[in-house]
């Protein structure tokens, strides 16, 4: 494990405190069905431009290397002179050789420090990011719910419910039948007739969750969206997740709250620097990951290789090693 822990791992942004509404809560064990998702040696590589983007990627813990830019011919360089980017070109290896299989009815948590590749993995499963190498095989239609899930901020909540429902494959009649349920679940009241850009972050997240889960998707992927809701919304979300699982759906949950993962998941994937470090029962993986975070917090290393301490100047600014 120490070979995988790099200097950039200063972002141990993870809540180790047990949240009040998670106490004594555990995901219900249900019979599992056939495999619904196979991730086979998945690699995701991005290209970033400029030294600032490269340094930011390095600080997040990703593997970064210089990329060779194909030299264009004289005429193409001349015609596109105003569009050429000046600066370093680097490749960021965000997901590295990840393989696992998920079954119908599973509730799978994904943990890892910032920049470990959790959100990138979810987006690759939904088909939003093409694999650089490897493959993703899905039986069903995944629905990704994230804090930055794409709805139309200039349109009303009602119009977004309609658009989101159509995107999930629902008919206009089904959307009408689910409309009041979505509004009640999201608890947005009369705000449904106002543009989404007037919503608070919590209201927008609740509406995204309500829309994404309205059609009971085959695979529901929740990326940090529960962190913006209150206890009542979180309770409704747990019930909806159990409903998805009972109907043989599969749930992936990314959260910075370890107690939420333990309360809502039966299995956990631990990602670190784009690699799958551990895959197993929630108690086992949560304990190992919790020990990892606590050890580096106590040592003040931020998860750095070799246990190096962070050096700061008199203004409490971190210095480069």
Protein backbone atom coordinates (compact mmCIF):
# COMPACT_ATOMS: atom_id res chain seq x y z
CA UNK A 1 0.00 0.00 0.00
CA UNK A 2 2.83 2.43 0.80
CA UNK A 3 4.05 2.38 -2.80
CA UNK A 4 0.68 3.76 -3.87
CA UNK A 5 0.58 6.59 -1.33
CA UNK A 6 2.01 9.72 -2.92
CA UNK A 7 2.92 13.19 -1.79
CA UNK A 8 -0.22 14.59 -3.39
CA UNK A 9 -2.48 12.75 -0.93
CA UNK A 10 -2.86 15.71 1.40
CA UNK A 11 -6.61 15.76 0.70
CA UNK A 12 -7.87 13.24 3.27
CA UNK A 13 -11.30 14.83 3.06
CA UNK A 14 -13.34 12.16 4.83
CA UNK A 15 -15.79 12.40 7.71
CA UNK A 16 -14.99 9.78 10.35
CA UNK A 17 -17.68 10.94 12.78
CA UNK A 18 -20.80 8.77 13.09
CA UNK A 19 -23.78 10.85 11.97
CA UNK A 20 -26.76 10.74 14.33
CA UNK A 21 -29.19 9.40 11.73
CA UNK A 22 -26.74 6.63 10.75
CA UNK A 23 -26.44 5.13 14.24
CA UNK A 24 -27.57 1.51 14.29
CA UNK A 25 -28.44 1.61 10.59
CA UNK A 26 -27.31 -1.15 8.24
CA UNK A 27 -28.27 -1.95 4.66
CA UNK A 28 -30.77 -4.76 4.35
CA UNK A 29 -29.38 -8.07 3.14
CA UNK A 30 -31.37 -9.33 0.15
CA UNK A 31 -30.79 -12.24 -2.26
CA UNK A 32 -28.50 -11.16 -5.07
CA UNK A 33 -29.26 -11.74 -8.72
CA UNK A 34 -27.07 -12.30 -11.76
CA UNK A 35 -24.18 -9.97 -12.66
CA UNK A 36 -25.39 -6.65 -14.06
CA UNK A 37 -22.05 -4.88 -14.47
CA UNK A 38 -18.57 -6.04 -15.38
CA UNK A 39 -15.64 -3.60 -15.33
CA UNK A 40 -12.67 -5.24 -17.03
CA UNK A 41 -9.17 -3.74 -16.67
CA UNK A 42 -10.52 -0.21 -17.06
CA UNK A 43 -8.10 2.65 -17.76
CA UNK A 44 -9.17 6.28 -18.10
CA UNK A 45 -6.64 8.83 -19.36
CA UNK A 46 -7.19 12.58 -19.73
CA UNK A 47 -5.07 15.16 -21.51
CA UNK A 48 -4.51 18.43 -19.66
CA UNK A 49 -2.93 21.61 -20.99
CA UNK A 50 -0.70 24.01 -19.11
CA UNK A 51 1.52 23.67 -16.08
CA UNK A 52 -1.19 24.75 -13.63
CA UNK A 53 -3.56 21.95 -14.67
CA UNK A 54 -0.70 19.45 -14.52
CA UNK A 55 0.30 20.53 -11.00
CA UNK A 56 -3.33 20.39 -9.82
CA UNK A 57 -3.65 16.83 -11.13
CA UNK A 58 -0.41 15.82 -9.38
CA UNK A 59 -1.63 17.27 -6.10
CA UNK A 60 -4.82 15.21 -6.39
CA UNK A 61 -2.74 12.02 -6.46
CA UNK A 62 -3.21 11.12 -10.13
CA UNK A 63 -0.39 9.70 -12.21
CA UNK A 64 0.80 12.42 -14.63
CA UNK A 65 3.27 12.16 -17.48
CA UNK A 66 4.29 14.41 -20.35
CA UNK A 67 2.42 13.76 -23.59
CA UNK A 68 3.83 14.03 -27.09
CA UNK A 69 1.87 16.38 -29.32
CA UNK A 70 1.70 15.35 -32.98
CA UNK A 71 3.34 18.02 -35.10
CA UNK A 72 1.03 19.50 -37.74
CA UNK A 73 2.04 20.40 -41.25
CA UNK A 74 3.05 23.94 -42.14
CA UNK A 75 -0.30 24.87 -43.76
CA UNK A 76 -2.37 23.52 -40.84
CA UNK A 77 -0.13 25.32 -38.35
CA UNK A 78 -0.51 28.54 -40.34
CA UNK A 79 -4.30 28.30 -40.64
CA UNK A 80 -4.74 27.33 -36.98
CA UNK A 81 -2.12 29.62 -35.49
CA UNK A 82 -4.68 31.54 -33.46
CA UNK A 83 -6.13 28.36 -32.00
CA UNK A 84 -2.94 26.61 -30.95
CA UNK A 85 -2.40 26.17 -27.22
CA UNK A 86 0.93 27.24 -25.82
CA UNK A 87 2.14 25.29 -22.79
CA UNK A 88 2.80 21.82 -21.44
CA UNK A 89 0.62 18.91 -22.51
CA UNK A 90 0.32 16.09 -19.99
CA UNK A 91 -1.60 12.86 -19.64
CA UNK A 92 -3.44 12.17 -16.37
CA UNK A 93 -4.02 8.49 -15.68
CA UNK A 94 -7.18 8.86 -13.56
CA UNK A 95 -8.29 5.21 -13.44
CA UNK A 96 -5.71 2.43 -13.65
CA UNK A 97 -6.60 -1.20 -14.33
CA UNK A 98 -9.82 -1.40 -12.29
CA UNK A 99 -11.78 -4.67 -12.51
CA UNK A 100 -14.84 -5.84 -10.58
CA UNK A 101 -18.29 -7.37 -11.05
CA UNK A 102 -21.55 -6.09 -9.55
CA UNK A 103 -24.75 -8.09 -9.14
CA UNK A 104 -28.44 -7.18 -9.16
CA UNK A 105 -29.52 -6.08 -5.67
CA UNK A 106 -26.13 -4.94 -4.40
CA UNK A 107 -25.53 -1.62 -2.66
CA UNK A 108 -21.87 -0.72 -3.27
CA UNK A 109 -20.05 2.16 -1.62
CA UNK A 110 -16.95 3.75 -3.14
CA UNK A 111 -14.45 5.41 -0.81
CA UNK A 112 -11.10 7.11 -1.30
CA UNK A 113 -9.39 10.43 -0.76
CA UNK A 114 -9.98 13.36 -3.10
CA UNK A 115 -8.60 12.67 -6.57
CA UNK A 116 -8.65 8.89 -6.22
CA UNK A 117 -10.84 8.38 -9.31
CA UNK A 118 -14.23 7.67 -7.69
CA UNK A 119 -16.34 10.09 -9.76
CA UNK A 120 -14.37 9.30 -12.93
CA UNK A 121 -15.16 5.62 -12.44
CA UNK A 122 -18.90 6.33 -12.15
CA UNK A 123 -18.88 8.47 -15.28
CA UNK A 124 -17.07 5.75 -17.20
CA UNK A 125 -19.70 3.20 -16.13
CA UNK A 126 -22.49 5.44 -17.47
CA UNK A 127 -20.67 5.88 -20.78
CA UNK A 128 -19.95 9.59 -20.28
CA UNK A 129 -16.19 8.96 -20.50
CA UNK A 130 -14.77 6.51 -23.06
CA UNK A 131 -12.22 3.96 -21.81
CA UNK A 132 -8.61 4.47 -22.82
CA UNK A 133 -8.15 0.74 -22.38
CA UNK A 134 -10.32 -2.07 -21.04
CA UNK A 135 -14.11 -2.30 -21.17
CA UNK A 136 -17.36 -1.80 -19.25
CA UNK A 137 -20.25 -4.23 -19.79
CA UNK A 138 -23.66 -3.18 -18.44
CA UNK A 139 -26.92 -5.11 -18.30
CA UNK A 140 -29.48 -2.32 -18.02
CA UNK A 141 -29.45 1.47 -18.04
CA UNK A 142 -27.36 3.34 -15.46
CA UNK A 143 -28.57 6.65 -14.00
CA UNK A 144 -25.90 8.93 -12.55
CA UNK A 145 -26.93 11.31 -9.81
CA UNK A 146 -24.30 13.83 -8.76
CA UNK A 147 -24.03 17.26 -7.25
CA UNK A 148 -23.13 18.51 -10.73
CA UNK A 149 -25.71 16.42 -12.58
CA UNK A 150 -26.69 18.28 -15.74
CA UNK A 151 -30.13 19.88 -15.56
CA UNK A 152 -31.13 23.24 -17.01
CA UNK A 153 -30.65 26.00 -14.40
CA UNK A 154 -32.51 28.57 -16.49
CA UNK A 155 -35.61 26.36 -16.69
CA UNK A 156 -38.17 25.72 -13.97
CA UNK A 157 -38.11 22.68 -11.74
CA UNK A 158 -41.27 21.44 -13.46
CA UNK A 159 -39.62 21.61 -16.89
CA UNK A 160 -36.53 19.85 -15.56
CA UNK A 161 -38.71 17.05 -14.17
CA UNK A 162 -40.16 16.62 -17.65
CA UNK A 163 -36.76 16.71 -19.39
CA UNK A 164 -35.14 14.43 -16.81
CA UNK A 165 -37.98 11.92 -17.06
CA UNK A 166 -37.73 11.79 -20.84
CA UNK A 167 -33.95 11.29 -20.56
CA UNK A 168 -34.62 8.29 -18.29
CA UNK A 169 -36.90 6.74 -20.93
CA UNK A 170 -40.21 7.59 -19.27
CA UNK A 171 -43.25 8.42 -21.37
CA UNK A 172 -45.05 11.77 -20.94
CA UNK A 173 -47.90 9.90 -19.21
CA UNK A 174 -45.49 8.26 -16.75
CA UNK A 175 -43.90 11.65 -16.02
CA UNK A 176 -47.34 13.14 -15.26
CA UNK A 177 -48.10 10.24 -12.93
CA UNK A 178 -44.77 10.67 -11.08
CA UNK A 179 -44.74 14.49 -11.04
CA UNK A 180 -46.37 15.06 -7.65
CA UNK A 181 -44.29 12.27 -6.10
CA UNK A 182 -41.06 13.85 -7.37
CA UNK A 183 -42.02 17.28 -6.03
CA UNK A 184 -43.00 15.85 -2.65
CA UNK A 185 -39.83 13.74 -2.42
CA UNK A 186 -37.63 16.74 -3.26
CA UNK A 187 -39.62 18.92 -0.81
CA UNK A 188 -39.38 22.01 -3.02
CA UNK A 189 -43.04 23.07 -2.86
CA UNK A 190 -43.94 26.13 -4.95
CA UNK A 191 -40.30 26.47 -6.03
CA UNK A 192 -41.10 23.86 -8.68
CA UNK A 193 -42.44 26.73 -10.81
CA UNK A 194 -39.28 28.82 -10.43
CA UNK A 195 -36.01 28.51 -12.42
CA UNK A 196 -33.51 26.07 -10.89
CA UNK A 197 -30.90 28.82 -10.74
CA UNK A 198 -32.91 30.28 -7.84
CA UNK A 199 -32.61 27.03 -5.83
CA UNK A 200 -30.22 26.43 -2.98
CA UNK A 201 -27.67 23.64 -3.45
CA UNK A 202 -29.70 21.39 -1.16
CA UNK A 203 -32.94 21.96 -3.09
CA UNK A 204 -31.22 21.29 -6.42
CA UNK A 205 -29.60 18.09 -5.10
CA UNK A 206 -32.92 16.83 -3.72
CA UNK A 207 -34.63 17.45 -7.06
CA UNK A 208 -31.84 15.65 -8.95
CA UNK A 209 -32.17 12.62 -6.69
CA UNK A 210 -35.96 12.59 -6.99
CA UNK A 211 -35.78 12.76 -10.80
CA UNK A 212 -32.97 10.22 -11.16
CA UNK A 213 -34.72 7.62 -9.00
CA UNK A 214 -38.27 8.24 -10.24
CA UNK A 215 -38.06 5.54 -12.90
CA UNK A 216 -36.38 2.98 -10.58
CA UNK A 217 -33.24 2.63 -12.73
CA UNK A 218 -31.40 -0.65 -13.24
CA UNK A 219 -28.24 0.94 -11.79
CA UNK A 220 -28.47 4.07 -9.64
CA UNK A 221 -25.19 5.90 -9.03
CA UNK A 222 -25.16 8.57 -6.34
CA UNK A 223 -22.10 10.84 -6.30
CA UNK A 224 -21.96 12.94 -3.10
CA UNK A 225 -25.53 14.17 -3.59
CA UNK A 226 -26.71 13.05 -0.13
CA UNK A 227 -24.22 15.37 1.57
CA UNK A 228 -26.32 18.43 0.65
CA UNK A 229 -29.58 17.17 2.18
CA UNK A 230 -31.02 17.27 5.67
CA UNK A 231 -31.80 14.27 7.89
CA UNK A 232 -35.36 13.90 6.53
CA UNK A 233 -34.13 13.88 2.92
CA UNK A 234 -31.42 11.38 3.81
CA UNK A 235 -34.02 9.09 5.38
CA UNK A 236 -36.21 9.28 2.26
CA UNK A 237 -33.14 8.59 0.12
CA UNK A 238 -32.29 5.47 2.12
CA UNK A 239 -35.83 4.21 1.62
CA UNK A 240 -35.64 4.90 -2.12
CA UNK A 241 -32.30 3.11 -2.40
CA UNK A 242 -33.77 0.07 -0.65
CA UNK A 243 -36.71 0.23 -3.06
CA UNK A 244 -34.33 0.18 -6.03
CA UNK A 245 -32.51 -2.84 -4.57
CA UNK A 246 -35.74 -4.70 -3.83
CA UNK A 247 -36.66 -4.38 -7.50
CA UNK A 248 -33.34 -6.03 -8.43
CA UNK A 249 -31.59 -2.72 -9.10
CA UNK A 250 -28.00 -1.98 -8.14
CA UNK A 251 -26.81 1.10 -6.25
CA UNK A 252 -23.37 2.74 -6.22
CA UNK A 253 -22.80 5.39 -3.54
CA UNK A 254 -19.85 7.78 -3.34
CA UNK A 255 -19.76 9.61 -0.01
CA UNK A 256 -17.21 11.34 2.22
CA UNK A 257 -19.12 10.10 5.27
CA UNK A 258 -17.90 6.69 6.37
CA UNK A 259 -20.97 6.21 8.59
CA UNK A 260 -23.26 6.80 5.59
CA UNK A 261 -21.36 4.15 3.62
CA UNK A 262 -21.67 1.71 6.52
CA UNK A 263 -25.39 2.45 6.95
CA UNK A 264 -26.40 2.16 3.29
CA UNK A 265 -24.01 -0.31 1.64
CA UNK A 266 -23.30 -4.04 1.77
CA UNK A 267 -20.00 -3.87 -0.11
CA UNK A 268 -17.27 -1.25 -0.49
CA UNK A 269 -14.68 -0.46 -3.17
CA UNK A 270 -11.63 1.48 -1.93
CA UNK A 271 -10.01 3.56 -4.67
CA UNK A 272 -6.57 5.14 -4.33
CA UNK A 273 -4.64 6.95 -7.08
CA UNK A 274 -6.95 5.42 -9.68
CA UNK A 275 -6.39 1.86 -8.50
CA UNK A 276 -8.79 -0.48 -6.73
CA UNK A 277 -7.01 -1.11 -3.44
CA UNK A 278 -9.65 -3.22 -1.71
CA UNK A 279 -13.04 -4.75 -2.54
CA UNK A 280 -15.06 -6.56 0.11
CA UNK A 281 -17.76 -6.52 2.80
CA UNK A 282 -18.61 -3.09 4.18
CA UNK A 283 -17.33 -3.77 7.72
CA UNK A 284 -13.97 -5.07 6.52
CA UNK A 285 -13.18 -2.37 3.98
CA UNK A 286 -14.58 0.48 6.08
CA UNK A 287 -12.40 -0.59 9.01
CA UNK A 288 -9.26 -0.76 6.84
CA UNK A 289 -9.95 2.58 5.17
CA UNK A 290 -10.79 4.23 8.50
CA UNK A 291 -7.49 2.99 9.95
CA UNK A 292 -5.66 4.40 6.91
CA UNK A 293 -7.22 7.85 7.27
CA UNK A 294 -6.74 7.99 11.06
CA UNK A 295 -3.11 6.87 10.82
CA UNK A 296 -2.15 9.59 8.37
CA UNK A 297 -4.14 12.26 10.15
CA UNK A 298 -2.44 11.39 13.44
CA UNK A 299 0.97 11.40 11.76
CA UNK A 300 0.24 14.66 9.96
CA UNK A 301 1.43 13.15 6.68
CA UNK A 302 -1.79 13.52 4.70
CA UNK A 303 -1.21 10.06 3.23
CA UNK A 304 2.20 10.90 1.82
CA UNK A 305 4.76 8.33 0.86
CA UNK A 306 7.36 7.67 3.51
CA UNK A 307 5.34 9.47 6.17
CA UNK A 308 6.79 12.88 5.34
CA UNK A 309 5.43 15.73 7.44
CA UNK A 310 3.84 18.76 5.83
CA UNK A 311 6.09 21.80 6.18
CA UNK A 312 4.44 25.19 6.58
CA UNK A 313 5.73 28.74 6.76
CA UNK A 314 4.83 31.36 9.38
CA UNK A 315 1.61 32.17 7.47
CA UNK A 316 0.53 28.50 7.75
CA UNK A 317 1.01 28.00 4.02
CA UNK A 318 2.18 24.58 2.91
CA UNK A 319 5.67 24.46 1.42
CA UNK A 320 6.90 22.17 -1.32
CA UNK A 321 9.24 19.36 -0.23
